[in-house]
Amino acid sequence: MRRATCTTQGTLVGPSGGTGLETLQTRDVMQCGVWGIEKNEPVHKAIQLLLEKHVSGLPVTEQGRLVGVLSEKDVLRLLSEQEYLPGVVSDYMNETVVTFDIDDPFSDIYQCLVNSAYRRVPILHQGRLAGMITRADLIRVYRQRYCTATSRPATARSRENLLARDAMTHGLLTVRKETSLGEVMDILATQHVTGLPVVDDGMRLEGMITEKDVIRCIGDPESPRSTVQSHMTTDLVTFEPTARLADVCECLIGQNFRRVPIVSDGRLVGIVARADIIRAMSAVYKLSGTKLN
C-alpha cells in the first residue's frame, strides 16, 4: 500500500479560544469495529456492503493489514463506465490511502479532514487496521465537549440532572391516522425506524404505529390498503421535556417498548429511545472523566 500524505493547516477553536484539541487522544475518538472487506472478496460483495451498511467507503484489508480503500465514488465512477464489475475488490480498490497511527496527534487528523476531500481516514496500530475517524466523529466530539458542556456542568453529578429534552430526538418522521398501512410499511422498511408517532395537523399525539403492529397484519393481503387508525396503539406512555431522564430510563428498562414520545401541551416535540439515553449518559461520563468499562 502506498501511504499518501495529507497537507494540513488551520486549527479548531473552542469556546475558550484555544484549539480544543490538546487533551484529545486519537484512540478516544475513533470508531472501532468498522466495516471492511478483504481484498480477495468479490467486488459485488463490497458494493452490497456499501449499500446495506450506509457507509461511503470500505477499508480493504489483507489478513488484517490495510492495503487500500474502495469508496462509493470509485464504484459510481466504474459503474458509469461499464454495466458489470467482475473480479475481486483488489482489482478496483485505491491503493493510495491517507492513514494515521493510533498514537498520532488528533489535531493532525482534524486538520486533514477539514482541509482535504477525504470524509474519513483509517487509523492503524502496528500496521494493522484499528479503526476509523470521520468528519461526523469530529462533529460528535465537538458537540460533546462544547455544546453539551455549556448547557450543564461537566461533573460526576450531571448525570442525575439530565432531563428528557437533553436526550430526545427532534425532526421526527410522523404519520396521520388516514395514512395507509402500505405507506407505513415503506417508511419502516427504508428509513431504519421501528415505530412512527401518529399526529394530527397540529402535531398533537394520537397514537403510535410500530413494527409489531404492522407484522400482525402481514398475513392479510388487504392490510396494505387499510389505514393507520385501524392498527395504531393509543394507550401510550409519554413524558414531558422536563421529566428526569432517569425516570424515562427506568420506564424503558421495565417495559418492552424501545422508545417513548415526549410531549408538551399535548403536542409531540420529540422521542427518547434507549439508544438516546445510552448516548446522553456516555457523553456525561466522558465529560466527567469517568471511563466506561
Protein backbone atom coordinates (compact mmCIF):
# COMPACT_ATOMS: atom_id res chain seq x y z
CA MET A 1 0.00 0.00 0.00
CA ARG A 2 1.25 3.47 -0.87
CA ARG A 3 0.62 5.83 2.03
CA ALA A 4 -0.49 9.27 0.83
CA THR A 5 0.43 12.46 2.61
CA CYS A 6 -2.13 14.94 3.81
CA THR A 7 -1.26 18.64 3.81
CA THR A 8 -2.81 20.26 6.87
CA GLN A 9 -3.36 23.79 8.04
CA GLY A 10 -5.70 25.63 10.39
CA THR A 11 -6.96 24.89 13.89
CA LEU A 12 -10.17 24.01 15.67
CA VAL A 13 -11.02 26.85 18.01
CA GLY A 14 -13.13 26.12 21.08
CA PRO A 15 -15.23 28.47 23.20
CA SER A 16 -12.28 29.28 25.43
CA GLY A 17 -10.21 30.49 22.48
CA GLY A 18 -7.80 27.53 22.44
CA THR A 19 -7.56 24.83 19.82
CA GLY A 20 -9.69 22.47 21.88
CA LEU A 21 -7.59 19.52 20.74
CA GLU A 22 -4.79 19.41 23.29
CA THR A 23 -6.44 16.83 25.55
CA LEU A 24 -7.98 14.63 22.86
CA GLN A 25 -6.42 11.28 22.02
CA THR A 26 -6.96 9.59 18.66
CA ARG A 27 -7.93 6.32 20.33
CA ASP A 28 -10.75 8.08 22.24
CA VAL A 29 -12.34 9.49 19.08
CA MET A 30 -12.01 6.73 16.51
CA GLN A 31 -14.72 4.22 15.68
CA CYS A 32 -13.72 0.62 16.39
CA GLY A 33 -15.21 -2.42 14.72
CA VAL A 34 -15.55 -0.64 11.36
CA TRP A 35 -16.95 -2.34 8.29
CA GLY A 36 -14.19 -3.51 5.96
CA ILE A 37 -13.58 -6.16 3.35
CA GLU A 38 -10.75 -8.50 2.36
CA LYS A 39 -9.09 -7.70 -0.95
CA ASN A 40 -9.88 -11.12 -2.46
CA GLU A 41 -13.62 -10.87 -1.85
CA PRO A 42 -15.89 -10.44 -4.92
CA VAL A 43 -16.39 -6.77 -5.73
CA HIS A 44 -20.17 -7.23 -5.79
CA LYS A 45 -20.00 -8.15 -2.10
CA ALA A 46 -18.26 -4.83 -1.38
CA ILE A 47 -20.96 -2.92 -3.28
CA GLN A 48 -23.63 -4.74 -1.28
CA LEU A 49 -21.90 -3.75 1.98
CA LEU A 50 -21.72 -0.10 0.92
CA LEU A 51 -25.45 -0.10 0.27
CA GLU A 52 -26.62 -2.17 3.25
CA LYS A 53 -24.43 -0.54 5.92
CA HIS A 54 -24.91 3.04 4.68
CA VAL A 55 -21.17 3.78 4.57
CA SER A 56 -19.39 5.77 1.88
CA GLY A 57 -16.17 3.78 1.86
CA LEU A 58 -14.71 0.43 2.86
CA PRO A 59 -11.18 -0.20 4.11
CA VAL A 60 -9.66 -3.10 2.17
CA THR A 61 -7.51 -5.47 4.19
CA GLU A 62 -5.28 -8.47 3.73
CA GLN A 63 -5.12 -10.57 6.89
CA GLY A 64 -5.92 -7.51 8.98
CA ARG A 65 -3.45 -5.15 7.31
CA LEU A 66 -4.81 -2.20 5.37
CA VAL A 67 -3.97 -2.42 1.67
CA GLY A 68 -6.43 0.03 0.12
CA VAL A 69 -9.85 1.66 0.15
CA LEU A 70 -12.92 1.19 -2.03
CA SER A 71 -15.29 4.16 -1.94
CA GLU A 72 -18.80 4.65 -3.26
CA LYS A 73 -17.34 7.34 -5.52
CA ASP A 74 -14.94 4.77 -7.00
CA VAL A 75 -17.81 2.34 -7.54
CA LEU A 76 -20.04 5.00 -9.08
CA ARG A 77 -17.28 6.01 -11.49
CA LEU A 78 -16.67 2.39 -12.51
CA LEU A 79 -20.36 1.61 -12.96
CA SER A 80 -20.75 4.67 -15.18
CA GLU A 81 -18.10 3.19 -17.47
CA GLN A 82 -19.30 -0.42 -17.56
CA GLU A 83 -22.50 -2.26 -16.75
CA TYR A 84 -20.94 -5.09 -14.75
CA LEU A 85 -17.91 -5.22 -12.47
CA PRO A 86 -16.36 -8.69 -12.48
CA GLY A 87 -13.47 -9.82 -10.32
CA VAL A 88 -12.42 -9.07 -6.78
CA VAL A 89 -12.04 -5.95 -4.65
CA SER A 90 -8.29 -5.62 -5.26
CA ASP A 91 -8.99 -5.10 -8.98
CA TYR A 92 -10.79 -1.82 -8.21
CA MET A 93 -9.52 -0.50 -4.88
CA ASN A 94 -7.46 2.65 -4.46
CA GLU A 95 -4.05 1.76 -3.06
CA THR A 96 -3.09 5.34 -2.26
CA VAL A 97 -4.61 5.90 1.16
CA VAL A 98 -4.15 8.60 3.78
CA THR A 99 -3.75 6.86 7.13
CA PHE A 100 -2.82 7.84 10.65
CA ASP A 101 -1.35 5.87 13.51
CA ILE A 102 -3.32 5.47 16.71
CA ASP A 103 -0.63 7.49 18.53
CA ASP A 104 -0.62 10.41 16.05
CA PRO A 105 -1.86 13.77 17.42
CA PHE A 106 -5.61 14.08 16.96
CA SER A 107 -5.11 17.69 15.81
CA ASP A 108 -3.32 16.40 12.69
CA ILE A 109 -6.27 14.16 11.83
CA TYR A 110 -8.69 17.02 12.36
CA GLN A 111 -6.75 19.33 10.07
CA CYS A 112 -6.53 16.64 7.39
CA LEU A 113 -10.29 16.05 7.35
CA VAL A 114 -11.01 19.78 7.33
CA ASN A 115 -8.58 20.72 4.57
CA SER A 116 -8.79 17.72 2.22
CA ALA A 117 -11.51 16.00 0.23
CA TYR A 118 -11.42 12.94 2.49
CA ARG A 119 -14.52 12.23 4.58
CA ARG A 120 -12.78 9.58 6.71
CA VAL A 121 -9.29 8.28 7.44
CA PRO A 122 -8.25 4.79 8.61
CA ILE A 123 -6.39 4.53 11.92
CA LEU A 124 -3.60 1.96 12.17
CA HIS A 125 -1.92 0.25 15.11
CA GLN A 126 1.31 -1.59 14.38
CA GLY A 127 0.40 -1.55 10.70
CA ARG A 128 -2.99 -3.16 11.19
CA LEU A 129 -6.40 -1.51 10.81
CA ALA A 130 -7.59 -0.43 14.26
CA GLY A 131 -10.46 1.91 13.46
CA MET A 132 -11.71 4.91 11.53
CA ILE A 133 -12.25 8.63 12.13
CA THR A 134 -14.83 10.50 10.04
CA ARG A 135 -15.99 14.08 9.74
CA ALA A 136 -19.10 13.03 11.66
CA ASP A 137 -16.84 11.95 14.53
CA LEU A 138 -15.35 15.45 14.61
CA ILE A 139 -18.81 16.96 14.92
CA ARG A 140 -19.78 14.45 17.62
CA VAL A 141 -16.68 15.20 19.68
CA TYR A 142 -17.13 18.97 19.37
CA ARG A 143 -20.78 18.68 20.41
CA GLN A 144 -19.93 16.53 23.42
CA ARG A 145 -17.12 18.80 24.60
CA TYR A 146 -18.67 22.19 23.99
CA CYS A 147 -22.37 22.21 23.14
CA THR A 148 -23.20 19.77 25.95
CA ALA A 149 -20.72 21.30 28.37
CA THR A 150 -22.20 24.77 28.01
CA SER A 151 -25.69 23.54 28.87
CA ARG A 152 -24.73 21.81 32.11
CA PRO A 153 -21.67 21.43 34.35
CA ALA A 154 -19.29 18.62 33.44
CA THR A 155 -19.38 16.95 36.83
CA ALA A 156 -19.99 13.44 38.04
CA ARG A 157 -23.37 14.60 39.36
CA SER A 158 -24.56 15.94 35.99
CA ARG A 159 -25.99 12.53 35.10
CA GLU A 160 -28.60 13.00 37.82
CA ASN A 161 -29.54 16.38 36.35
CA LEU A 162 -30.26 15.12 32.84
CA LEU A 163 -33.75 15.81 31.54
CA ALA A 164 -35.72 14.15 28.77
CA ARG A 165 -35.11 17.14 26.48
CA ASP A 166 -31.33 16.59 26.81
CA ALA A 167 -31.60 13.24 25.05
CA MET A 168 -34.66 13.42 22.83
CA THR A 169 -34.53 13.20 19.05
CA HIS A 170 -36.06 16.06 17.04
CA GLY A 171 -37.16 16.20 13.39
CA LEU A 172 -39.28 13.06 13.62
CA LEU A 173 -40.95 11.04 10.91
CA THR A 174 -44.68 11.03 11.64
CA VAL A 175 -47.88 9.77 10.00
CA ARG A 176 -51.59 10.61 10.17
CA LYS A 177 -54.47 8.32 11.09
CA GLU A 178 -55.52 8.37 7.44
CA THR A 179 -52.13 7.14 6.19
CA SER A 180 -52.29 3.74 4.52
CA LEU A 181 -50.56 0.81 6.18
CA GLY A 182 -48.74 0.23 2.89
CA GLU A 183 -47.10 3.65 3.21
CA VAL A 184 -46.12 2.86 6.80
CA MET A 185 -44.50 -0.38 5.59
CA ASP A 186 -42.47 1.61 3.06
CA ILE A 187 -41.25 4.03 5.74
CA LEU A 188 -40.33 1.30 8.23
CA ALA A 189 -38.51 -0.69 5.55
CA THR A 190 -36.46 2.21 4.16
CA GLN A 191 -35.93 4.73 6.97
CA HIS A 192 -34.43 2.43 9.63
CA VAL A 193 -37.04 3.25 12.28
CA THR A 194 -39.08 0.77 14.32
CA GLY A 195 -42.11 2.93 15.03
CA LEU A 196 -43.90 6.09 13.93
CA PRO A 197 -45.85 8.62 16.01
CA VAL A 198 -49.38 9.30 14.76
CA VAL A 199 -50.26 13.01 14.92
CA ASP A 200 -52.94 15.40 13.71
CA ASP A 201 -52.37 18.57 11.72
CA GLY A 202 -51.42 20.41 14.91
CA MET A 203 -48.79 17.79 15.88
CA ARG A 204 -51.00 16.55 18.71
CA LEU A 205 -50.08 12.97 19.50
CA GLU A 206 -52.86 10.48 18.76
CA GLY A 207 -51.03 7.16 18.85
CA MET A 208 -48.08 5.07 17.68
CA ILE A 209 -47.76 2.53 14.87
CA THR A 210 -44.87 0.09 15.37
CA GLU A 211 -43.21 -2.80 13.59
CA LYS A 212 -45.08 -5.13 15.90
CA ASP A 213 -48.42 -3.57 14.97
CA VAL A 214 -47.58 -3.98 11.28
CA ILE A 215 -46.35 -7.57 11.35
CA ARG A 216 -49.60 -8.64 12.99
CA CYS A 217 -51.27 -7.80 9.66
CA ILE A 218 -48.76 -9.31 7.26
CA GLY A 219 -50.88 -12.38 6.58
CA ASP A 220 -53.83 -10.28 5.38
CA PRO A 221 -53.49 -9.30 1.67
CA GLU A 222 -55.93 -6.42 2.23
CA SER A 223 -53.94 -4.85 5.09
CA PRO A 224 -51.76 -2.50 2.94
CA ARG A 225 -54.93 -0.69 1.90
CA SER A 226 -56.16 -0.24 5.46
CA THR A 227 -55.30 2.88 7.46
CA VAL A 228 -53.08 3.54 10.43
CA GLN A 229 -56.13 4.23 12.61
CA SER A 230 -57.13 0.55 12.40
CA HIS A 231 -53.81 -0.70 13.73
CA MET A 232 -52.16 2.00 15.86
CA THR A 233 -51.65 1.84 19.61
CA THR A 234 -53.42 4.60 21.52
CA ASP A 235 -52.56 3.59 25.10
CA LEU A 236 -49.22 5.39 25.28
CA VAL A 237 -46.68 6.23 27.94
CA THR A 238 -45.43 9.77 27.39
CA PHE A 239 -43.13 12.20 29.21
CA GLU A 240 -42.76 15.96 29.37
CA PRO A 241 -39.48 17.52 28.12
CA THR A 242 -38.65 18.47 31.72
CA ALA A 243 -39.05 14.91 33.05
CA ARG A 244 -35.97 13.43 34.68
CA LEU A 245 -34.10 11.28 32.18
CA ALA A 246 -33.56 8.77 34.98
CA ASP A 247 -37.35 8.27 35.12
CA VAL A 248 -37.51 7.74 31.35
CA CYS A 249 -34.62 5.29 31.65
CA GLU A 250 -36.38 3.34 34.39
CA CYS A 251 -39.52 3.16 32.23
CA LEU A 252 -37.66 1.83 29.20
CA ILE A 253 -35.82 -0.73 31.30
CA GLY A 254 -39.03 -2.02 32.84
CA GLN A 255 -41.14 -2.08 29.65
CA ASN A 256 -40.87 -3.90 26.35
CA PHE A 257 -41.12 -0.78 24.17
CA ARG A 258 -37.87 0.80 22.99
CA ARG A 259 -38.86 4.49 22.91
CA VAL A 260 -41.31 6.97 24.43
CA PRO A 261 -42.84 10.14 22.94
CA ILE A 262 -42.02 13.49 24.53
CA VAL A 263 -45.00 15.85 24.55
CA SER A 264 -45.58 19.43 25.62
CA ASP A 265 -49.17 20.65 25.99
CA GLY A 266 -50.30 17.54 24.13
CA ARG A 267 -48.06 18.24 21.13
CA LEU A 268 -45.28 15.90 20.07
CA VAL A 269 -41.88 17.57 20.43
CA GLY A 270 -39.53 14.57 20.37
CA ILE A 271 -38.79 10.94 21.07
CA VAL A 272 -36.42 9.33 23.57
CA ALA A 273 -35.18 5.86 22.67
CA ARG A 274 -32.96 3.52 24.66
CA ALA A 275 -30.06 4.40 22.36
CA ASP A 276 -30.60 8.12 23.03
CA ILE A 277 -30.23 7.56 26.77
CA ILE A 278 -27.09 5.49 26.29
CA ARG A 279 -25.65 8.27 24.11
CA ALA A 280 -26.50 11.01 26.60
CA MET A 281 -25.13 9.13 29.59
CA SER A 282 -21.98 8.19 27.70
CA ALA A 283 -21.39 11.86 26.96
CA VAL A 284 -21.70 12.70 30.65
CA TYR A 285 -19.18 10.01 31.57
CA LYS A 286 -16.70 11.41 29.05
CA LEU A 287 -17.24 14.98 30.25
CA SER A 288 -16.68 13.99 33.87
CA GLY A 289 -13.56 12.00 33.06
CA THR A 290 -15.09 8.70 34.16
CA LYS A 291 -14.14 5.75 31.98
CA LEU A 292 -16.84 3.35 30.81
CA ASN A 293 -15.93 -0.29 31.37
